[in-house]
Amino acid sequence: MIRVYLDNCCFNRPYDEQHHLKVRLETQAKLSIQQMIIDNDLELVVSYVLEQENDDNPYVERKMVIDDFFKYAVLDIDETQEIIDIAEEAMQSGLKVNDSLHFACAVAGKCDYLLTTDKRFLKHTTDKVHIMNPAQFIIETEG
């Protein structure tokens, strides 16, 4: 079973302005991935970082919808020294603090894919987890 971790940007993609084709494609892919999680075709991992970022969301309805989706997670990663160590190493390669924490949680959660729509995050290369946007994920895994 494929295990995925979606960062906060990915969870919020459907709420972004949908004027650009890239945003619409990523939105449709994200919604398809959500359905695959609901249908138990994918395993979702969430984390304390996702929960903290979602708690900071100023849009109450969005926050509630995203928080409700976390119930489909097979694993909820808490902060540990391992997470901090992996994140600190990732920051040395140029990731921002929260991105490095998402990365560390995906690695600790033994995820196959970390999905994001953040252009800078997508440039990070690693052999520990496949980092890609949701549209790329659909293209690569469908078949």
N, C-alpha and C. Protein backbone atom coordinates (compact mmCIF):
# COMPACT_ATOMS: atom_id res chain seq x y z
N MET A 1 0.86 -1.19 0.00
CA MET A 1 0.00 0.00 0.00
C MET A 1 0.89 1.24 0.00
N ILE A 2 0.54 2.19 -0.83
CA ILE A 2 1.30 3.44 -0.91
C ILE A 2 0.89 4.34 0.25
N ARG A 3 1.91 4.88 0.91
CA ARG A 3 1.70 5.77 2.06
C ARG A 3 2.07 7.19 1.66
N VAL A 4 1.16 8.16 1.91
CA VAL A 4 1.37 9.54 1.50
C VAL A 4 1.26 10.51 2.69
N TYR A 5 1.97 11.61 2.53
CA TYR A 5 1.92 12.72 3.47
C TYR A 5 1.65 13.97 2.63
N LEU A 6 0.60 14.69 2.93
CA LEU A 6 0.27 15.92 2.23
C LEU A 6 0.62 17.09 3.15
N ASP A 7 1.36 18.07 2.64
CA ASP A 7 1.67 19.22 3.49
C ASP A 7 0.49 20.19 3.49
N ASN A 8 0.63 21.24 4.26
CA ASN A 8 -0.46 22.21 4.43
C ASN A 8 -0.83 22.89 3.11
N CYS A 9 0.16 23.18 2.26
CA CYS A 9 -0.14 23.79 0.96
C CYS A 9 -1.04 22.88 0.14
N CYS A 10 -0.75 21.61 0.18
CA CYS A 10 -1.53 20.63 -0.58
C CYS A 10 -2.97 20.55 -0.05
N PHE A 11 -3.10 20.48 1.27
CA PHE A 11 -4.44 20.43 1.85
C PHE A 11 -5.26 21.66 1.50
N ASN A 12 -4.62 22.80 1.36
CA ASN A 12 -5.32 24.06 1.10
C ASN A 12 -5.48 24.39 -0.37
N ARG A 13 -4.92 23.58 -1.28
CA ARG A 13 -4.97 23.89 -2.71
C ARG A 13 -6.39 24.11 -3.22
N PRO A 14 -7.39 23.36 -2.82
CA PRO A 14 -8.75 23.60 -3.34
C PRO A 14 -9.32 24.98 -2.95
N TYR A 15 -8.75 25.63 -1.97
CA TYR A 15 -9.23 26.94 -1.54
C TYR A 15 -8.52 28.08 -2.22
N ASP A 16 -7.48 27.78 -3.01
CA ASP A 16 -6.76 28.82 -3.74
C ASP A 16 -7.59 29.27 -4.94
N GLU A 17 -7.29 30.47 -5.45
CA GLU A 17 -7.93 30.95 -6.66
C GLU A 17 -7.69 29.94 -7.77
N GLN A 18 -8.72 29.61 -8.51
CA GLN A 18 -8.65 28.54 -9.51
C GLN A 18 -8.53 29.07 -10.94
N HIS A 19 -8.03 30.30 -11.09
CA HIS A 19 -7.94 30.91 -12.42
C HIS A 19 -6.88 30.26 -13.30
N HIS A 20 -5.79 29.78 -12.73
CA HIS A 20 -4.71 29.18 -13.50
C HIS A 20 -4.92 27.68 -13.65
N LEU A 21 -4.63 27.18 -14.83
CA LEU A 21 -4.80 25.77 -15.13
C LEU A 21 -4.01 24.88 -14.17
N LYS A 22 -2.77 25.27 -13.86
CA LYS A 22 -1.92 24.49 -12.95
C LYS A 22 -2.60 24.31 -11.60
N VAL A 23 -3.20 25.37 -11.09
CA VAL A 23 -3.88 25.30 -9.79
C VAL A 23 -5.10 24.39 -9.88
N ARG A 24 -5.85 24.50 -10.96
CA ARG A 24 -7.03 23.64 -11.14
C ARG A 24 -6.64 22.17 -11.25
N LEU A 25 -5.56 21.89 -12.00
CA LEU A 25 -5.10 20.51 -12.14
C LEU A 25 -4.63 19.95 -10.80
N GLU A 26 -3.87 20.74 -10.05
CA GLU A 26 -3.41 20.29 -8.74
C GLU A 26 -4.58 20.11 -7.78
N THR A 27 -5.59 20.95 -7.89
CA THR A 27 -6.79 20.83 -7.06
C THR A 27 -7.51 19.52 -7.37
N GLN A 28 -7.73 19.25 -8.64
CA GLN A 28 -8.42 18.01 -9.02
C GLN A 28 -7.63 16.78 -8.60
N ALA A 29 -6.32 16.84 -8.76
CA ALA A 29 -5.47 15.73 -8.34
C ALA A 29 -5.55 15.54 -6.83
N LYS A 30 -5.49 16.63 -6.09
CA LYS A 30 -5.57 16.54 -4.62
C LYS A 30 -6.90 15.93 -4.20
N LEU A 31 -7.98 16.35 -4.83
CA LEU A 31 -9.30 15.80 -4.48
C LEU A 31 -9.38 14.32 -4.84
N SER A 32 -8.75 13.91 -5.94
CA SER A 32 -8.70 12.49 -6.31
C SER A 32 -7.90 11.69 -5.28
N ILE A 33 -6.80 12.26 -4.83
CA ILE A 33 -5.97 11.61 -3.81
C ILE A 33 -6.76 11.46 -2.52
N GLN A 34 -7.50 12.49 -2.16
CA GLN A 34 -8.36 12.41 -0.97
C GLN A 34 -9.34 11.26 -1.09
N GLN A 35 -9.93 11.11 -2.26
CA GLN A 35 -10.90 10.03 -2.45
C GLN A 35 -10.22 8.67 -2.36
N MET A 36 -9.00 8.58 -2.88
CA MET A 36 -8.25 7.32 -2.78
C MET A 36 -7.95 6.99 -1.32
N ILE A 37 -7.70 8.02 -0.51
CA ILE A 37 -7.47 7.81 0.92
C ILE A 37 -8.75 7.31 1.59
N ILE A 38 -9.87 7.96 1.28
CA ILE A 38 -11.16 7.56 1.84
C ILE A 38 -11.49 6.12 1.44
N ASP A 39 -11.17 5.76 0.19
CA ASP A 39 -11.46 4.42 -0.33
C ASP A 39 -10.42 3.38 0.11
N ASN A 40 -9.48 3.78 0.95
CA ASN A 40 -8.41 2.89 1.45
C ASN A 40 -7.50 2.37 0.34
N ASP A 41 -7.33 3.16 -0.72
CA ASP A 41 -6.39 2.82 -1.77
C ASP A 41 -5.01 3.42 -1.49
N LEU A 42 -4.97 4.39 -0.59
CA LEU A 42 -3.73 5.03 -0.13
C LEU A 42 -3.80 5.15 1.38
N GLU A 43 -2.63 5.16 2.03
CA GLU A 43 -2.57 5.40 3.47
C GLU A 43 -2.08 6.83 3.70
N LEU A 44 -2.79 7.55 4.56
CA LEU A 44 -2.45 8.93 4.90
C LEU A 44 -1.71 8.98 6.22
N VAL A 45 -0.63 9.77 6.25
CA VAL A 45 0.08 10.06 7.49
C VAL A 45 -0.06 11.57 7.73
N VAL A 46 -0.39 11.94 8.95
CA VAL A 46 -0.46 13.34 9.34
C VAL A 46 0.51 13.56 10.51
N SER A 47 0.62 14.82 10.93
CA SER A 47 1.60 15.12 11.97
C SER A 47 1.18 16.31 12.82
N TYR A 48 1.90 16.46 13.91
CA TYR A 48 1.70 17.61 14.79
C TYR A 48 1.96 18.92 14.04
N VAL A 49 2.85 18.91 13.06
CA VAL A 49 3.16 20.12 12.29
C VAL A 49 1.94 20.52 11.46
N LEU A 50 1.33 19.54 10.79
CA LEU A 50 0.10 19.80 10.03
C LEU A 50 -0.99 20.34 10.94
N GLU A 51 -1.13 19.72 12.09
CA GLU A 51 -2.18 20.13 13.02
C GLU A 51 -1.95 21.55 13.52
N GLN A 52 -0.69 21.89 13.81
CA GLN A 52 -0.37 23.25 14.27
C GLN A 52 -0.63 24.27 13.17
N GLU A 53 -0.18 23.97 11.94
CA GLU A 53 -0.41 24.90 10.83
C GLU A 53 -1.90 25.05 10.56
N ASN A 54 -2.64 23.96 10.62
CA ASN A 54 -4.08 24.05 10.39
C ASN A 54 -4.76 24.84 11.50
N ASP A 55 -4.31 24.67 12.73
CA ASP A 55 -4.88 25.46 13.84
C ASP A 55 -4.68 26.96 13.63
N ASP A 56 -3.61 27.33 12.92
CA ASP A 56 -3.33 28.74 12.65
C ASP A 56 -4.10 29.29 11.45
N ASN A 57 -4.84 28.43 10.76
CA ASN A 57 -5.61 28.86 9.59
C ASN A 57 -6.68 29.84 10.04
N PRO A 58 -6.69 31.06 9.49
CA PRO A 58 -7.67 32.06 9.90
C PRO A 58 -9.09 31.78 9.38
N TYR A 59 -9.21 30.87 8.43
CA TYR A 59 -10.53 30.56 7.85
C TYR A 59 -11.11 29.35 8.57
N VAL A 60 -12.07 29.60 9.44
CA VAL A 60 -12.60 28.57 10.35
C VAL A 60 -13.18 27.38 9.59
N GLU A 61 -13.95 27.63 8.54
CA GLU A 61 -14.57 26.52 7.81
C GLU A 61 -13.51 25.63 7.16
N ARG A 62 -12.51 26.24 6.54
CA ARG A 62 -11.42 25.47 5.92
C ARG A 62 -10.71 24.64 6.98
N LYS A 63 -10.42 25.30 8.10
CA LYS A 63 -9.72 24.62 9.19
C LYS A 63 -10.50 23.39 9.65
N MET A 64 -11.80 23.53 9.79
CA MET A 64 -12.63 22.42 10.26
C MET A 64 -12.67 21.27 9.25
N VAL A 65 -12.79 21.60 7.96
CA VAL A 65 -12.84 20.57 6.92
C VAL A 65 -11.53 19.79 6.88
N ILE A 66 -10.41 20.51 6.93
CA ILE A 66 -9.10 19.85 6.88
C ILE A 66 -8.90 19.01 8.14
N ASP A 67 -9.21 19.59 9.28
CA ASP A 67 -9.05 18.85 10.54
C ASP A 67 -9.90 17.57 10.54
N ASP A 68 -11.10 17.65 10.00
CA ASP A 68 -11.97 16.48 9.93
C ASP A 68 -11.37 15.39 9.05
N PHE A 69 -10.64 15.80 8.00
CA PHE A 69 -10.05 14.80 7.11
C PHE A 69 -8.92 14.04 7.77
N PHE A 70 -8.29 14.63 8.76
CA PHE A 70 -7.19 13.96 9.46
C PHE A 70 -7.63 12.63 10.08
N LYS A 71 -8.93 12.43 10.27
CA LYS A 71 -9.42 11.17 10.85
C LYS A 71 -9.11 9.97 9.97
N TYR A 72 -8.80 10.20 8.70
CA TYR A 72 -8.48 9.09 7.79
C TYR A 72 -7.03 8.64 7.90
N ALA A 73 -6.25 9.33 8.70
CA ALA A 73 -4.83 8.99 8.83
C ALA A 73 -4.64 7.65 9.52
N VAL A 74 -3.67 6.89 8.99
CA VAL A 74 -3.30 5.62 9.63
C VAL A 74 -2.25 5.86 10.70
N LEU A 75 -1.65 7.06 10.67
CA LEU A 75 -0.59 7.39 11.61
C LEU A 75 -0.55 8.90 11.81
N ASP A 76 -0.42 9.31 13.07
CA ASP A 76 -0.29 10.72 13.43
C ASP A 76 1.05 10.87 14.15
N ILE A 77 1.99 11.55 13.50
CA ILE A 77 3.35 11.67 14.00
C ILE A 77 3.44 12.79 15.03
N ASP A 78 3.99 12.47 16.20
CA ASP A 78 4.26 13.46 17.24
C ASP A 78 5.72 13.89 17.16
N GLU A 79 6.02 15.02 17.78
CA GLU A 79 7.40 15.49 17.81
C GLU A 79 8.27 14.56 18.65
N THR A 80 9.41 14.20 18.08
CA THR A 80 10.39 13.37 18.79
C THR A 80 11.77 13.93 18.47
N GLN A 81 12.76 13.44 19.15
CA GLN A 81 14.13 13.87 18.85
C GLN A 81 14.53 13.43 17.45
N GLU A 82 14.04 12.27 17.02
CA GLU A 82 14.32 11.80 15.66
C GLU A 82 13.80 12.80 14.62
N ILE A 83 12.59 13.30 14.84
CA ILE A 83 11.99 14.28 13.93
C ILE A 83 12.86 15.53 13.88
N ILE A 84 13.24 16.02 15.04
CA ILE A 84 14.06 17.24 15.12
C ILE A 84 15.40 17.03 14.41
N ASP A 85 16.02 15.89 14.63
CA ASP A 85 17.31 15.60 13.99
C ASP A 85 17.20 15.56 12.47
N ILE A 86 16.17 14.87 11.97
CA ILE A 86 15.97 14.79 10.52
C ILE A 86 15.68 16.19 9.96
N ALA A 87 14.87 16.96 10.66
CA ALA A 87 14.52 18.30 10.21
C ALA A 87 15.74 19.22 10.18
N GLU A 88 16.57 19.13 11.20
CA GLU A 88 17.77 19.98 11.23
C GLU A 88 18.70 19.65 10.07
N GLU A 89 18.82 18.37 9.76
CA GLU A 89 19.65 17.97 8.62
C GLU A 89 19.05 18.49 7.31
N ALA A 90 17.74 18.42 7.18
CA ALA A 90 17.06 18.90 5.98
C ALA A 90 17.18 20.41 5.83
N MET A 91 17.18 21.12 6.93
CA MET A 91 17.33 22.58 6.88
C MET A 91 18.71 22.96 6.35
N GLN A 92 19.70 22.15 6.64
CA GLN A 92 21.05 22.43 6.14
C GLN A 92 21.12 22.33 4.62
N SER A 93 20.18 21.62 4.03
CA SER A 93 20.14 21.52 2.57
C SER A 93 19.23 22.57 1.95
N GLY A 94 18.74 23.50 2.77
CA GLY A 94 17.99 24.63 2.24
C GLY A 94 16.50 24.66 2.51
N LEU A 95 15.94 23.66 3.15
CA LEU A 95 14.50 23.68 3.44
C LEU A 95 14.19 24.67 4.56
N LYS A 96 13.03 25.30 4.46
CA LYS A 96 12.55 26.17 5.54
C LYS A 96 12.15 25.30 6.73
N VAL A 97 11.98 25.93 7.89
CA VAL A 97 11.72 25.20 9.13
C VAL A 97 10.52 24.27 9.01
N ASN A 98 9.35 24.80 8.68
CA ASN A 98 8.16 23.95 8.63
C ASN A 98 8.26 22.88 7.54
N ASP A 99 8.84 23.24 6.39
CA ASP A 99 9.01 22.24 5.33
C ASP A 99 9.93 21.12 5.81
N SER A 100 10.98 21.48 6.53
CA SER A 100 11.89 20.44 7.03
C SER A 100 11.19 19.55 8.05
N LEU A 101 10.28 20.11 8.83
CA LEU A 101 9.53 19.31 9.80
C LEU A 101 8.54 18.39 9.09
N HIS A 102 7.87 18.91 8.05
CA HIS A 102 6.99 18.04 7.25
C HIS A 102 7.79 16.89 6.65
N PHE A 103 8.94 17.24 6.09
CA PHE A 103 9.82 16.23 5.51
C PHE A 103 10.19 15.17 6.54
N ALA A 104 10.60 15.61 7.72
CA ALA A 104 11.01 14.69 8.78
C ALA A 104 9.85 13.79 9.20
N CYS A 105 8.65 14.34 9.27
CA CYS A 105 7.48 13.53 9.66
C CYS A 105 7.15 12.51 8.58
N ALA A 106 7.28 12.89 7.32
CA ALA A 106 7.03 11.95 6.23
C ALA A 106 8.04 10.82 6.26
N VAL A 107 9.29 11.16 6.52
CA VAL A 107 10.34 10.13 6.59
C VAL A 107 10.09 9.21 7.79
N ALA A 108 9.84 9.79 8.95
CA ALA A 108 9.59 8.99 10.16
C ALA A 108 8.34 8.13 10.01
N GLY A 109 7.36 8.63 9.25
CA GLY A 109 6.12 7.88 9.03
C GLY A 109 6.24 6.85 7.92
N LYS A 110 7.46 6.69 7.39
CA LYS A 110 7.72 5.72 6.33
C LYS A 110 6.83 5.93 5.10
N CYS A 111 6.65 7.22 4.75
CA CYS A 111 5.84 7.56 3.59
C CYS A 111 6.63 7.32 2.30
N ASP A 112 5.90 6.90 1.29
CA ASP A 112 6.49 6.74 -0.03
C ASP A 112 6.55 8.09 -0.75
N TYR A 113 5.54 8.94 -0.49
CA TYR A 113 5.43 10.23 -1.16
C TYR A 113 5.07 11.33 -0.17
N LEU A 114 5.70 12.48 -0.38
CA LEU A 114 5.32 13.71 0.31
C LEU A 114 4.79 14.63 -0.78
N LEU A 115 3.52 15.01 -0.67
CA LEU A 115 2.88 15.81 -1.71
C LEU A 115 2.76 17.26 -1.27
N THR A 116 3.17 18.15 -2.17
CA THR A 116 3.14 19.59 -1.88
C THR A 116 2.90 20.35 -3.18
N THR A 117 2.42 21.57 -3.05
CA THR A 117 2.30 22.46 -4.20
C THR A 117 3.30 23.61 -4.08
N ASP A 118 4.15 23.57 -3.08
CA ASP A 118 5.15 24.60 -2.81
C ASP A 118 6.34 24.41 -3.77
N LYS A 119 6.54 25.36 -4.69
CA LYS A 119 7.60 25.25 -5.70
C LYS A 119 8.97 25.05 -5.10
N ARG A 120 9.27 25.78 -4.04
CA ARG A 120 10.59 25.66 -3.41
C ARG A 120 10.79 24.27 -2.79
N PHE A 121 9.76 23.79 -2.13
CA PHE A 121 9.82 22.47 -1.50
C PHE A 121 10.00 21.39 -2.57
N LEU A 122 9.35 21.55 -3.71
CA LEU A 122 9.43 20.57 -4.80
C LEU A 122 10.84 20.44 -5.37
N LYS A 123 11.67 21.45 -5.17
CA LYS A 123 13.05 21.42 -5.68
C LYS A 123 13.98 20.61 -4.79
N HIS A 124 13.52 20.28 -3.57
CA HIS A 124 14.36 19.52 -2.64
C HIS A 124 14.52 18.08 -3.15
N THR A 125 15.76 17.64 -3.24
CA THR A 125 16.02 16.28 -3.70
C THR A 125 16.50 15.41 -2.54
N THR A 126 16.00 14.21 -2.50
CA THR A 126 16.33 13.27 -1.44
C THR A 126 16.02 11.86 -1.91
N ASP A 127 16.64 10.89 -1.26
CA ASP A 127 16.31 9.50 -1.58
C ASP A 127 15.45 8.88 -0.47
N LYS A 128 15.01 9.72 0.48
CA LYS A 128 14.25 9.21 1.62
C LYS A 128 12.75 9.16 1.39
N VAL A 129 12.24 10.05 0.52
CA VAL A 129 10.81 10.09 0.19
C VAL A 129 10.68 10.84 -1.14
N HIS A 130 9.73 10.42 -1.96
CA HIS A 130 9.49 11.10 -3.23
C HIS A 130 8.68 12.37 -2.94
N ILE A 131 9.22 13.52 -3.31
CA ILE A 131 8.53 14.79 -3.11
C ILE A 131 8.00 15.23 -4.47
N MET A 132 6.69 15.41 -4.57
CA MET A 132 6.09 15.83 -5.84
C MET A 132 4.76 16.51 -5.61
N ASN A 133 4.30 17.20 -6.65
CA ASN A 133 2.99 17.82 -6.52
C ASN A 133 1.91 16.77 -6.81
N PRO A 134 0.68 17.04 -6.39
CA PRO A 134 -0.37 16.02 -6.52
C PRO A 134 -0.65 15.59 -7.96
N ALA A 135 -0.53 16.50 -8.92
CA ALA A 135 -0.77 16.13 -10.33
C ALA A 135 0.30 15.15 -10.80
N GLN A 136 1.55 15.39 -10.45
CA GLN A 136 2.63 14.46 -10.81
C GLN A 136 2.37 13.09 -10.17
N PHE A 137 1.92 13.10 -8.95
CA PHE A 137 1.65 11.84 -8.23
C PHE A 137 0.62 11.01 -8.99
N ILE A 138 -0.47 11.64 -9.40
CA ILE A 138 -1.53 10.94 -10.14
C ILE A 138 -0.96 10.35 -11.43
N ILE A 139 -0.19 11.13 -12.16
CA ILE A 139 0.39 10.67 -13.42
C ILE A 139 1.32 9.49 -13.19
N GLU A 140 2.16 9.59 -12.16
CA GLU A 140 3.16 8.52 -11.90
C GLU A 140 2.56 7.24 -11.34
N THR A 141 1.49 7.35 -10.58
CA THR A 141 0.99 6.16 -9.89
C THR A 141 -0.21 5.53 -10.55
N GLU A 142 -0.85 6.23 -11.48
CA GLU A 142 -2.00 5.66 -12.17
C GLU A 142 -1.54 4.59 -13.14
N GLY A 143 -2.26 3.54 -13.21
CA GLY A 143 -1.86 2.54 -14.19
C GLY A 143 -2.28 1.22 -13.84
